[in-house]
């Protein structure tokens, strides 16, 4: 493969990664918002701990995403 072709494939892969990461962050924020809308007894079903396990991120990172302190790009 020529260097220019490889670099283009890398650029395309990065663009796909950025889109997927932005989508993941959006799903996490939406999930947390949905959790807040649940009745008190069910809020833990979409809380930071559960979402962290589903996403593979730490609970602390989920709270950063929730608070807008983590950048999806």
PDB file of N, CA and C in Angstrom:
ATOM      1  N   UNK A   1       0.847  -1.170   0.000  1.00  0.00           N
ATOM      2  CA  UNK A   1       0.000   0.000   0.000  1.00  0.00           C
ATOM      3  C   UNK A   1       0.901   1.245   0.000  1.00  0.00           C
ATOM      4  N   UNK A   2       0.515   2.189  -0.772  1.00  0.00           N
ATOM      5  CA  UNK A   2       1.270   3.439  -0.858  1.00  0.00           C
ATOM      6  C   UNK A   2       1.063   4.274   0.414  1.00  0.00           C
ATOM      7  N   UNK A   3       2.057   5.072   0.799  1.00  0.00           N
ATOM      8  CA  UNK A   3       1.933   5.902   2.008  1.00  0.00           C
ATOM      9  C   UNK A   3       0.697   6.815   1.999  1.00  0.00           C
ATOM     10  N   UNK A   4       0.410   7.429   0.853  1.00  0.00           N
ATOM     11  CA  UNK A   4      -0.760   8.316   0.791  1.00  0.00           C
ATOM     12  C   UNK A   4      -2.060   7.539   1.013  1.00  0.00           C
ATOM     13  N   UNK A   5      -2.118   6.322   0.505  1.00  0.00           N
ATOM     14  CA  UNK A   5      -3.308   5.492   0.715  1.00  0.00           C
ATOM     15  C   UNK A   5      -3.453   5.133   2.195  1.00  0.00           C
ATOM     16  N   UNK A   6      -2.331   4.759   2.805  1.00  0.00           N
ATOM     17  CA  UNK A   6      -2.359   4.405   4.225  1.00  0.00           C
ATOM     18  C   UNK A   6      -2.809   5.594   5.066  1.00  0.00           C
ATOM     19  N   UNK A   7      -2.283   6.770   4.763  1.00  0.00           N
ATOM     20  CA  UNK A   7      -2.660   7.963   5.520  1.00  0.00           C
ATOM     21  C   UNK A   7      -4.144   8.284   5.346  1.00  0.00           C
ATOM     22  N   UNK A   8      -4.666   8.086   4.154  1.00  0.00           N
ATOM     23  CA  UNK A   8      -6.092   8.325   3.929  1.00  0.00           C
ATOM     24  C   UNK A   8      -6.933   7.326   4.725  1.00  0.00           C
ATOM     25  N   UNK A   9      -6.497   6.082   4.776  1.00  0.00           N
ATOM     26  CA  UNK A   9      -7.218   5.086   5.562  1.00  0.00           C
ATOM     27  C   UNK A   9      -7.183   5.432   7.045  1.00  0.00           C
ATOM     28  N   UNK A  10      -6.066   5.953   7.502  1.00  0.00           N
ATOM     29  CA  UNK A  10      -5.951   6.380   8.902  1.00  0.00           C
ATOM     30  C   UNK A  10      -6.910   7.544   9.167  1.00  0.00           C
ATOM     31  N   UNK A  11      -6.961   8.513   8.257  1.00  0.00           N
ATOM     32  CA  UNK A  11      -7.877   9.650   8.418  1.00  0.00           C
ATOM     33  C   UNK A  11      -9.334   9.182   8.464  1.00  0.00           C
ATOM     34  N   UNK A  12      -9.677   8.260   7.591  1.00  0.00           N
ATOM     35  CA  UNK A  12     -11.042   7.745   7.560  1.00  0.00           C
ATOM     36  C   UNK A  12     -11.378   6.978   8.841  1.00  0.00           C
ATOM     37  N   UNK A  13     -10.425   6.192   9.317  1.00  0.00           N
ATOM     38  CA  UNK A  13     -10.643   5.446  10.556  1.00  0.00           C
ATOM     39  C   UNK A  13     -10.820   6.404  11.733  1.00  0.00           C
ATOM     40  N   UNK A  14     -10.018   7.462  11.756  1.00  0.00           N
ATOM     41  CA  UNK A  14     -10.144   8.452  12.837  1.00  0.00           C
ATOM     42  C   UNK A  14     -11.508   9.140  12.788  1.00  0.00           C
ATOM     43  N   UNK A  15     -11.974   9.473  11.605  1.00  0.00           N
ATOM     44  CA  UNK A  15     -13.286  10.113  11.474  1.00  0.00           C
ATOM     45  C   UNK A  15     -14.388   9.175  11.975  1.00  0.00           C
ATOM     46  N   UNK A  16     -14.283   7.899  11.654  1.00  0.00           N
ATOM     47  CA  UNK A  16     -15.250   6.919  12.145  1.00  0.00           C
ATOM     48  C   UNK A  16     -15.197   6.786  13.661  1.00  0.00           C
ATOM     49  N   UNK A  17     -13.993   6.792  14.202  1.00  0.00           N
ATOM     50  CA  UNK A  17     -13.811   6.726  15.659  1.00  0.00           C
ATOM     51  C   UNK A  17     -14.447   7.943  16.331  1.00  0.00           C
ATOM     52  N   UNK A  18     -14.203   9.117  15.776  1.00  0.00           N
ATOM     53  CA  UNK A  18     -14.771  10.340  16.354  1.00  0.00           C
ATOM     54  C   UNK A  18     -16.296  10.306  16.339  1.00  0.00           C
ATOM     55  N   UNK A  19     -16.882   9.833  15.248  1.00  0.00           N
ATOM     56  CA  UNK A  19     -18.345   9.728  15.172  1.00  0.00           C
ATOM     57  C   UNK A  19     -18.874   8.740  16.209  1.00  0.00           C
ATOM     58  N   UNK A  20     -18.211   7.593  16.337  1.00  0.00           N
ATOM     59  CA  UNK A  20     -18.651   6.574  17.294  1.00  0.00           C
ATOM     60  C   UNK A  20     -18.517   7.081  18.728  1.00  0.00           C
ATOM     61  N   UNK A  21     -17.438   7.767  19.025  1.00  0.00           N
ATOM     62  CA  UNK A  21     -17.231   8.298  20.382  1.00  0.00           C
ATOM     63  C   UNK A  21     -18.267   9.369  20.701  1.00  0.00           C
ATOM     64  N   UNK A  22     -18.559  10.245  19.742  1.00  0.00           N
ATOM     65  CA  UNK A  22     -19.580  11.280  19.952  1.00  0.00           C
ATOM     66  C   UNK A  22     -20.941  10.625  20.190  1.00  0.00           C
ATOM     67  N   UNK A  23     -21.239   9.576  19.442  1.00  0.00           N
ATOM     68  CA  UNK A  23     -22.507   8.861  19.626  1.00  0.00           C
ATOM     69  C   UNK A  23     -22.567   8.214  21.004  1.00  0.00           C
ATOM     70  N   UNK A  24     -21.472   7.601  21.441  1.00  0.00           N
ATOM     71  CA  UNK A  24     -21.412   6.980  22.762  1.00  0.00           C
ATOM     72  C   UNK A  24     -21.649   8.021  23.858  1.00  0.00           C
ATOM     73  N   UNK A  25     -20.992   9.166  23.755  1.00  0.00           N
ATOM     74  CA  UNK A  25     -21.172  10.224  24.754  1.00  0.00           C
ATOM     75  C   UNK A  25     -22.622  10.706  24.763  1.00  0.00           C
ATOM     76  N   UNK A  26     -23.218  10.838  23.587  1.00  0.00           N
ATOM     77  CA  UNK A  26     -24.614  11.270  23.491  1.00  0.00           C
ATOM     78  C   UNK A  26     -25.525  10.245  24.182  1.00  0.00           C
ATOM     79  N   UNK A  27     -25.286   8.965  23.926  1.00  0.00           N
ATOM     80  CA  UNK A  27     -26.088   7.904  24.552  1.00  0.00           C
ATOM     81  C   UNK A  27     -25.925   7.926  26.070  1.00  0.00           C
ATOM     82  N   UNK A  28     -24.712   8.155  26.535  1.00  0.00           N
ATOM     83  CA  UNK A  28     -24.471   8.220  27.975  1.00  0.00           C
ATOM     84  C   UNK A  28     -25.227   9.394  28.586  1.00  0.00           C
ATOM     85  N   UNK A  29     -25.096  10.579  27.979  1.00  0.00           N
ATOM     86  CA  UNK A  29     -25.809  11.752  28.506  1.00  0.00           C
ATOM     87  C   UNK A  29     -27.319  11.543  28.462  1.00  0.00           C
ATOM     88  N   UNK A  30     -27.831  10.983  27.371  1.00  0.00           N
ATOM     89  CA  UNK A  30     -29.268  10.720  27.262  1.00  0.00           C
ATOM     90  C   UNK A  30     -29.713   9.682  28.299  1.00  0.00           C
ATOM     91  N   UNK A  31     -28.901   8.668  28.512  1.00  0.00           N
ATOM     92  CA  UNK A  31     -29.222   7.647  29.510  1.00  0.00           C
ATOM     93  C   UNK A  31     -29.295   8.228  30.907  1.00  0.00           C
ATOM     94  N   UNK A  32     -28.350   9.100  31.226  1.00  0.00           N
ATOM     95  CA  UNK A  32     -28.374   9.745  32.536  1.00  0.00           C
ATOM     96  C   UNK A  32     -29.602  10.639  32.686  1.00  0.00           C
ATOM     97  N   UNK A  33     -29.945  11.357  31.629  1.00  0.00           N
ATOM     98  CA  UNK A  33     -31.144  12.206  31.663  1.00  0.00           C
ATOM     99  C   UNK A  33     -32.402  11.357  31.808  1.00  0.00           C
ATOM    100  N   UNK A  34     -32.465  10.237  31.077  1.00  0.00           N
ATOM    101  CA  UNK A  34     -33.603   9.328  31.204  1.00  0.00           C
ATOM    102  C   UNK A  34     -33.694   8.787  32.630  1.00  0.00           C
ATOM    103  N   UNK A  35     -32.555   8.496  33.226  1.00  0.00           N
ATOM    104  CA  UNK A  35     -32.536   8.005  34.603  1.00  0.00           C
ATOM    105  C   UNK A  35     -33.092   9.018  35.578  1.00  0.00           C
ATOM    106  N   UNK A  36     -32.759  10.277  35.369  1.00  0.00           N
ATOM    107  CA  UNK A  36     -33.281  11.334  36.242  1.00  0.00           C
ATOM    108  C   UNK A  36     -34.795  11.455  36.128  1.00  0.00           C
ATOM    109  N   UNK A  37     -35.344  11.103  34.970  1.00  0.00           N
ATOM    110  CA  UNK A  37     -36.786  11.209  34.748  1.00  0.00           C
ATOM    111  C   UNK A  37     -37.558  10.018  35.323  1.00  0.00           C
ATOM    112  N   UNK A  38     -36.846   8.961  35.683  1.00  0.00           N
ATOM    113  CA  UNK A  38     -37.514   7.789  36.250  1.00  0.00           C
ATOM    114  C   UNK A  38     -38.002   8.083  37.665  1.00  0.00           C
ATOM    115  N   UNK A  39     -38.992   7.323  38.131  1.00  0.00           N
ATOM    116  CA  UNK A  39     -39.399   7.450  39.534  1.00  0.00           C
ATOM    117  C   UNK A  39     -38.211   7.152  40.446  1.00  0.00           C
ATOM    118  N   UNK A  40     -38.197   7.766  41.591  1.00  0.00           N
ATOM    119  CA  UNK A  40     -37.074   7.639  42.539  1.00  0.00           C
ATOM    120  C   UNK A  40     -36.625   6.191  42.746  1.00  0.00           C
ATOM    121  N   UNK A  41     -37.574   5.287  42.880  1.00  0.00           N
ATOM    122  CA  UNK A  41     -37.241   3.885  43.156  1.00  0.00           C
ATOM    123  C   UNK A  41     -36.523   3.195  41.991  1.00  0.00           C
ATOM    124  N   UNK A  42     -36.587   3.768  40.791  1.00  0.00           N
ATOM    125  CA  UNK A  42     -35.982   3.135  39.614  1.00  0.00           C
ATOM    126  C   UNK A  42     -34.769   3.875  39.072  1.00  0.00           C
ATOM    127  N   UNK A  43     -34.407   4.987  39.642  1.00  0.00           N
ATOM    128  CA  UNK A  43     -33.312   5.806  39.097  1.00  0.00           C
ATOM    129  C   UNK A  43     -31.983   5.083  39.003  1.00  0.00           C
ATOM    130  N   UNK A  44     -31.743   4.157  39.887  1.00  0.00           N
ATOM    131  CA  UNK A  44     -30.463   3.440  39.863  1.00  0.00           C
ATOM    132  C   UNK A  44     -30.285   2.589  38.601  1.00  0.00           C
ATOM    133  N   UNK A  45     -31.399   2.283  37.937  1.00  0.00           N
ATOM    134  CA  UNK A  45     -31.335   1.467  36.718  1.00  0.00           C
ATOM    135  C   UNK A  45     -30.571   2.172  35.610  1.00  0.00           C
ATOM    136  N   UNK A  46     -30.530   3.507  35.645  1.00  0.00           N
ATOM    137  CA  UNK A  46     -29.770   4.282  34.658  1.00  0.00           C
ATOM    138  C   UNK A  46     -28.861   5.288  35.365  1.00  0.00           C
ATOM    139  N   UNK A  47     -28.294   4.864  36.467  1.00  0.00           N
ATOM    140  CA  UNK A  47     -27.373   5.722  37.206  1.00  0.00           C
ATOM    141  C   UNK A  47     -25.951   5.601  36.682  1.00  0.00           C
ATOM    142  N   UNK A  48     -25.058   6.444  37.183  1.00  0.00           N
ATOM    143  CA  UNK A  48     -23.662   6.444  36.724  1.00  0.00           C
ATOM    144  C   UNK A  48     -22.948   5.107  36.868  1.00  0.00           C
ATOM    145  N   UNK A  49     -23.217   4.373  37.942  1.00  0.00           N
ATOM    146  CA  UNK A  49     -22.532   3.084  38.137  1.00  0.00           C
ATOM    147  C   UNK A  49     -22.936   2.066  37.079  1.00  0.00           C
ATOM    148  N   UNK A  50     -24.231   1.965  36.813  1.00  0.00           N
ATOM    149  CA  UNK A  50     -24.725   1.009  35.821  1.00  0.00           C
ATOM    150  C   UNK A  50     -24.244   1.403  34.421  1.00  0.00           C
ATOM    151  N   UNK A  51     -24.322   2.676  34.114  1.00  0.00           N
ATOM    152  CA  UNK A  51     -23.878   3.145  32.795  1.00  0.00           C
ATOM    153  C   UNK A  51     -22.367   2.968  32.645  1.00  0.00           C
ATOM    154  N   UNK A  52     -21.622   3.122  33.720  1.00  0.00           N
ATOM    155  CA  UNK A  52     -20.170   2.918  33.617  1.00  0.00           C
ATOM    156  C   UNK A  52     -19.854   1.471  33.261  1.00  0.00           C
ATOM    157  N   UNK A  53     -20.577   0.540  33.857  1.00  0.00           N
ATOM    158  CA  UNK A  53     -20.339  -0.873  33.530  1.00  0.00           C
ATOM    159  C   UNK A  53     -20.713  -1.168  32.082  1.00  0.00           C
ATOM    160  N   UNK A  54     -21.807  -0.591  31.607  1.00  0.00           N
ATOM    161  CA  UNK A  54     -22.237  -0.834  30.226  1.00  0.00           C
ATOM    162  C   UNK A  54     -21.281  -0.221  29.216  1.00  0.00           C
ATOM    163  N   UNK A  55     -20.685   0.918  29.558  1.00  0.00           N
ATOM    164  CA  UNK A  55     -19.825   1.640  28.612  1.00  0.00           C
ATOM    165  C   UNK A  55     -18.359   1.236  28.692  1.00  0.00           C
ATOM    166  N   UNK A  56     -17.973   0.651  29.810  1.00  0.00           N
ATOM    167  CA  UNK A  56     -16.563   0.323  29.996  1.00  0.00           C
ATOM    168  C   UNK A  56     -15.741   1.489  30.527  1.00  0.00           C
ATOM    169  N   UNK A  57     -16.402   2.592  30.854  1.00  0.00           N
ATOM    170  CA  UNK A  57     -15.732   3.742  31.456  1.00  0.00           C
ATOM    171  C   UNK A  57     -15.883   3.655  32.975  1.00  0.00           C
ATOM    172  N   UNK A  58     -15.044   4.386  33.691  1.00  0.00           N
ATOM    173  CA  UNK A  58     -15.191   4.432  35.141  1.00  0.00           C
ATOM    174  C   UNK A  58     -16.400   5.290  35.510  1.00  0.00           C
ATOM    175  N   UNK A  59     -16.894   5.088  36.712  1.00  0.00           N
ATOM    176  CA  UNK A  59     -18.004   5.892  37.200  1.00  0.00           C
ATOM    177  C   UNK A  59     -17.604   7.368  37.235  1.00  0.00           C
ATOM    178  N   UNK A  60     -16.378   7.619  37.614  1.00  0.00           N
ATOM    179  CA  UNK A  60     -15.888   8.998  37.685  1.00  0.00           C
ATOM    180  C   UNK A  60     -15.898   9.657  36.307  1.00  0.00           C
ATOM    181  N   UNK A  61     -15.534   8.897  35.281  1.00  0.00           N
ATOM    182  CA  UNK A  61     -15.535   9.449  33.925  1.00  0.00           C
ATOM    183  C   UNK A  61     -16.967   9.701  33.451  1.00  0.00           C
ATOM    184  N   UNK A  62     -17.898   8.829  33.846  1.00  0.00           N
ATOM    185  CA  UNK A  62     -19.302   9.036  33.502  1.00  0.00           C
ATOM    186  C   UNK A  62     -19.808  10.343  34.109  1.00  0.00           C
ATOM    187  N   UNK A  63     -19.428  10.627  35.342  1.00  0.00           N
ATOM    188  CA  UNK A  63     -19.867  11.887  35.946  1.00  0.00           C
ATOM    189  C   UNK A  63     -19.231  13.084  35.248  1.00  0.00           C
ATOM    190  N   UNK A  64     -18.012  12.933  34.742  1.00  0.00           N
ATOM    191  CA  UNK A  64     -17.410  14.012  33.965  1.00  0.00           C
ATOM    192  C   UNK A  64     -18.173  14.244  32.657  1.00  0.00           C
ATOM    193  N   UNK A  65     -18.570  13.154  32.025  1.00  0.00           N
ATOM    194  CA  UNK A  65     -19.374  13.266  30.805  1.00  0.00           C
ATOM    195  C   UNK A  65     -20.689  13.965  31.136  1.00  0.00           C
ATOM    196  N   UNK A  66     -21.343  13.516  32.209  1.00  0.00           N
ATOM    197  CA  UNK A  66     -22.608  14.104  32.630  1.00  0.00           C
ATOM    198  C   UNK A  66     -22.462  15.602  32.889  1.00  0.00           C
ATOM    199  N   UNK A  67     -21.364  15.989  33.523  1.00  0.00           N
ATOM    200  CA  UNK A  67     -21.146  17.380  33.898  1.00  0.00           C
ATOM    201  C   UNK A  67     -20.548  18.231  32.780  1.00  0.00           C
ATOM    202  N   UNK A  68     -20.299  17.601  31.610  1.00  0.00           N
ATOM    203  CA  UNK A  68     -19.743  18.330  30.477  1.00  0.00           C
ATOM    204  C   UNK A  68     -18.260  18.615  30.584  1.00  0.00           C
ATOM    205  N   UNK A  69     -17.570  17.869  31.446  1.00  0.00           N
ATOM    206  CA  UNK A  69     -16.129  18.090  31.650  1.00  0.00           C
ATOM    207  C   UNK A  69     -15.258  17.136  30.835  1.00  0.00           C
ATOM    208  N   UNK A  70     -15.895  16.245  30.077  1.00  0.00           N
ATOM    209  CA  UNK A  70     -15.166  15.314  29.213  1.00  0.00           C
ATOM    210  C   UNK A  70     -15.560  15.603  27.781  1.00  0.00           C
ATOM    211  N   UNK A  71     -14.579  15.714  26.921  1.00  0.00           N
ATOM    212  CA  UNK A  71     -14.801  16.042  25.521  1.00  0.00           C
ATOM    213  C   UNK A  71     -14.869  14.770  24.688  1.00  0.00           C
ATOM    214  N   UNK A  72     -15.950  14.580  23.914  1.00  0.00           N
ATOM    215  CA  UNK A  72     -16.059  13.357  23.132  1.00  0.00           C
ATOM    216  C   UNK A  72     -15.129  13.280  21.932  1.00  0.00           C
ATOM    217  N   UNK A  73     -14.436  14.327  21.597  1.00  0.00           N
ATOM    218  CA  UNK A  73     -13.564  14.263  20.408  1.00  0.00           C
ATOM    219  C   UNK A  73     -12.118  14.025  20.769  1.00  0.00           C
TER     220      UNK A  73
END
